[in-house]
Amino acid sequence: MRVLLKEILDCTPDAAWRALASPAVFREVSAPLMSVESLETDGFPTTWSPGEHPVTMSGLGLVPLGEQMIRLNMRTTKNGVRIVHDTGNGVSGAMKAVTHWDHSMAISPDPAGTGKTLYRDQLIFSAGPATLAVWPGLWAFWQLRMLRLKALAPTWRYDLGADDPAFVAAGAAEAERAEHEAERAAEPTGREDGLA
């Protein structure tokens, strides 16, 4: 079965790509219907990397659904479309009922030239004989997930280097230098006319 969604997100493609690479955003768009916790030794990374990421999931944060292996690959096509591809699988509990999982999220500039993002999301899955029973729940979850993405997108920013400690330190040093210059300019010069 397949769930296919396409929307314009109110953010730049770079900001959308950065958000898709964030486990925090993944958890935020899954909530409140699905709660996700990392099973990695150090918890969720700051940004996703290609490879396997084990998680445990629960419905509404209360009902254990089992463990899932998120298996990520990230690539950019020849025409500049950036894609996050998850071919993970259920490991235990209800998550194991899904026997085939192929989820792709694609980011590209809005073709209308608005500076916003064309976001395409495709999930192809199978749960064997239970596929028809599982489909309505996954379809509904994907619709709510898209609503969350659309609501959060305007808050996403992409400031190159903004998270770099050297960038933060340089900004703090510049602010301190400006403050000292302002203090020096306010000091009396000893001349009554105030001219230096």
Protein backbone atom coordinates (compact mmCIF):
# COMPACT_ATOMS: atom_id res chain seq x y z
CA MET A 1 0.00 0.00 0.00
CA ARG A 2 1.07 3.57 -0.55
CA VAL A 3 0.58 6.94 1.12
CA LEU A 4 1.65 9.89 -1.06
CA LEU A 5 1.64 13.54 0.02
CA LYS A 6 2.83 16.74 -1.65
CA GLU A 7 2.82 20.22 -0.08
CA ILE A 8 4.51 23.61 -0.24
CA LEU A 9 6.24 24.31 3.07
CA ASP A 10 6.70 27.91 4.20
CA CYS A 11 10.48 27.81 4.58
CA THR A 12 13.54 27.64 2.37
CA PRO A 13 14.69 24.27 1.00
CA ASP A 14 17.88 24.51 3.09
CA ALA A 15 15.84 25.01 6.26
CA ALA A 16 13.56 22.09 5.35
CA TRP A 17 16.54 19.85 4.66
CA ARG A 18 18.09 20.75 7.99
CA ALA A 19 14.79 19.97 9.73
CA LEU A 20 14.51 16.56 8.05
CA ALA A 21 18.01 15.77 9.32
CA SER A 22 16.92 16.48 12.90
CA PRO A 23 15.71 13.71 15.23
CA ALA A 24 14.10 16.46 17.33
CA VAL A 25 11.89 17.47 14.39
CA PHE A 26 11.10 13.79 13.70
CA ARG A 27 9.86 13.41 17.28
CA GLU A 28 7.96 16.70 17.17
CA VAL A 29 6.00 15.86 14.01
CA SER A 30 5.22 12.38 15.36
CA ALA A 31 3.76 13.78 18.59
CA PRO A 32 1.34 13.58 20.24
CA LEU A 33 0.07 10.40 18.55
CA MET A 34 3.43 8.66 18.55
CA SER A 35 6.18 8.95 21.12
CA VAL A 36 9.65 7.87 19.98
CA GLU A 37 12.68 7.15 22.18
CA SER A 38 16.18 6.30 21.02
CA LEU A 39 17.78 2.96 21.90
CA GLU A 40 21.24 4.15 20.88
CA THR A 41 23.86 4.25 23.65
CA ASP A 42 24.08 8.06 23.66
CA GLY A 43 20.45 8.68 22.68
CA PHE A 44 19.41 10.53 19.57
CA PRO A 45 22.21 12.26 17.64
CA THR A 46 21.92 15.99 16.95
CA THR A 47 21.46 15.19 13.27
CA TRP A 48 20.64 11.94 11.52
CA SER A 49 23.46 10.16 9.76
CA PRO A 50 23.16 7.41 7.17
CA GLY A 51 22.87 4.00 8.80
CA GLU A 52 20.78 2.29 11.44
CA HIS A 53 19.09 4.00 14.38
CA PRO A 54 17.10 1.75 16.76
CA VAL A 55 14.08 3.31 18.47
CA THR A 56 11.15 2.27 20.62
CA MET A 57 7.67 3.65 19.93
CA SER A 58 4.50 4.09 21.93
CA GLY A 59 1.05 5.32 21.03
CA LEU A 60 0.14 8.57 22.79
CA GLY A 61 3.20 7.98 24.95
CA LEU A 62 1.25 5.28 26.82
CA VAL A 63 0.73 2.17 24.68
CA PRO A 64 3.96 0.29 23.86
CA LEU A 65 4.11 -0.45 20.12
CA GLY A 66 7.54 -2.09 20.02
CA GLU A 67 10.92 -1.40 18.52
CA GLN A 68 11.73 -0.13 15.04
CA MET A 69 15.03 0.05 13.21
CA ILE A 70 15.29 3.30 11.26
CA ARG A 71 17.65 2.66 8.32
CA LEU A 72 18.57 5.93 6.61
CA ASN A 73 20.17 6.89 3.34
CA MET A 74 20.48 10.51 2.18
CA ARG A 75 21.22 11.60 -1.37
CA THR A 76 20.88 14.41 -3.88
CA THR A 77 19.68 13.67 -7.40
CA LYS A 78 21.28 15.09 -10.56
CA ASN A 79 18.58 17.80 -10.71
CA GLY A 80 19.20 18.88 -7.08
CA VAL A 81 16.33 17.11 -5.28
CA ARG A 82 17.46 16.10 -1.79
CA ILE A 83 16.01 12.84 -0.47
CA VAL A 84 15.91 11.12 2.92
CA HIS A 85 15.11 7.43 2.42
CA ASP A 86 14.21 5.07 5.29
CA THR A 87 14.08 1.33 4.60
CA GLY A 88 13.87 0.29 8.22
CA ASN A 89 11.88 -2.52 9.73
CA GLY A 90 9.90 -3.44 12.82
CA VAL A 91 11.92 -5.39 15.36
CA SER A 92 9.35 -6.23 18.04
CA GLY A 93 5.75 -5.76 19.14
CA ALA A 94 3.15 -4.25 16.82
CA MET A 95 5.94 -2.62 14.79
CA LYS A 96 7.02 -6.08 13.60
CA ALA A 97 3.64 -6.57 11.88
CA VAL A 98 4.81 -4.22 9.10
CA THR A 99 6.95 -6.48 6.90
CA HIS A 100 7.97 -3.92 4.26
CA TRP A 101 8.80 -0.24 4.89
CA ASP A 102 10.00 2.18 2.22
CA HIS A 103 9.67 5.85 3.19
CA SER A 104 11.07 8.73 1.10
CA MET A 105 10.94 12.46 1.81
CA ALA A 106 12.07 14.78 -1.01
CA ILE A 107 13.00 18.46 -0.75
CA SER A 108 13.29 20.88 -3.69
CA PRO A 109 12.60 24.57 -4.37
CA ASP A 110 8.99 25.55 -5.04
CA PRO A 111 8.67 25.51 -8.86
CA ALA A 112 6.67 28.75 -8.64
CA GLY A 113 9.83 30.56 -7.51
CA THR A 114 8.46 31.67 -4.12
CA GLY A 115 11.61 30.67 -2.22
CA LYS A 116 9.54 28.12 -0.32
CA THR A 117 9.92 24.33 -0.40
CA LEU A 118 8.20 21.65 -2.44
CA TYR A 119 7.96 18.69 -0.06
CA ARG A 120 7.03 15.23 -1.29
CA ASP A 121 6.47 12.30 1.04
CA GLN A 122 5.91 8.72 -0.06
CA LEU A 123 5.40 5.68 2.13
CA ILE A 124 5.15 2.22 0.60
CA PHE A 125 4.46 -0.50 3.15
CA SER A 126 3.12 -3.99 3.61
CA ALA A 127 1.84 -5.84 6.64
CA GLY A 128 1.06 -9.08 4.84
CA PRO A 129 -2.58 -10.15 5.26
CA ALA A 130 -3.12 -7.26 7.70
CA THR A 131 -2.13 -4.55 5.17
CA LEU A 132 -5.71 -3.38 4.51
CA ALA A 133 -6.38 -3.18 8.24
CA VAL A 134 -3.18 -1.21 8.93
CA TRP A 135 -3.55 1.23 6.01
CA PRO A 136 -6.26 3.55 7.49
CA GLY A 137 -4.24 4.10 10.67
CA LEU A 138 -1.02 4.86 8.80
CA TRP A 139 -2.86 7.08 6.31
CA ALA A 140 -4.43 9.11 9.15
CA PHE A 141 -1.11 9.35 10.99
CA TRP A 142 0.60 10.62 7.79
CA GLN A 143 -2.08 13.31 7.34
CA LEU A 144 -1.60 14.56 10.91
CA ARG A 145 2.16 14.40 10.48
CA MET A 146 1.87 16.62 7.38
CA LEU A 147 -0.24 19.13 9.31
CA ARG A 148 2.50 19.27 11.95
CA LEU A 149 5.19 19.75 9.27
CA LYS A 150 3.23 22.62 7.70
CA ALA A 151 2.67 24.28 11.07
CA LEU A 152 6.33 24.01 12.11
CA ALA A 153 7.95 24.90 8.77
CA PRO A 154 7.73 28.70 9.21
CA THR A 155 9.78 28.37 12.42
CA TRP A 156 12.65 26.53 10.70
CA ARG A 157 15.72 28.59 9.87
CA TYR A 158 18.94 27.85 8.13
CA ASP A 159 21.77 30.10 9.26
CA LEU A 160 25.03 28.70 7.96
CA GLY A 161 27.38 28.30 10.91
CA ALA A 162 24.86 29.48 13.50
CA ASP A 163 25.36 26.29 15.51
CA ASP A 164 29.15 26.38 15.18
CA PRO A 165 30.79 27.19 18.58
CA ALA A 166 33.38 29.36 16.79
CA PHE A 167 30.55 31.35 15.20
CA VAL A 168 28.87 31.87 18.58
CA ALA A 169 32.19 32.87 20.21
CA ALA A 170 32.97 35.34 17.40
CA GLY A 171 29.53 36.91 17.82
CA ALA A 172 30.03 37.27 21.57
CA ALA A 173 33.48 38.84 21.05
CA GLU A 174 32.05 41.31 18.52
CA ALA A 175 29.25 42.27 20.92
CA GLU A 176 31.78 42.81 23.75
CA ARG A 177 34.02 44.96 21.48
CA ALA A 178 31.03 47.12 20.46
CA GLU A 179 30.06 47.57 24.12
CA HIS A 180 33.61 48.75 25.02
CA GLU A 181 33.61 51.21 22.11
CA ALA A 182 30.27 52.62 23.26
CA GLU A 183 31.62 53.05 26.81
CA ARG A 184 34.75 54.84 25.54
CA ALA A 185 32.64 57.16 23.39
CA ALA A 186 30.56 58.11 26.44
CA GLU A 187 33.61 58.97 28.62
CA PRO A 188 34.28 62.71 29.15
CA THR A 189 37.22 64.02 27.09
CA GLY A 190 38.21 66.91 29.37
CA ARG A 191 37.09 69.50 26.81
CA GLU A 192 33.99 71.43 27.59
CA ASP A 193 32.81 71.51 24.01
CA GLY A 194 32.84 67.69 23.91
CA LEU A 195 34.97 67.63 20.74
CA ALA A 196 37.92 65.29 20.65
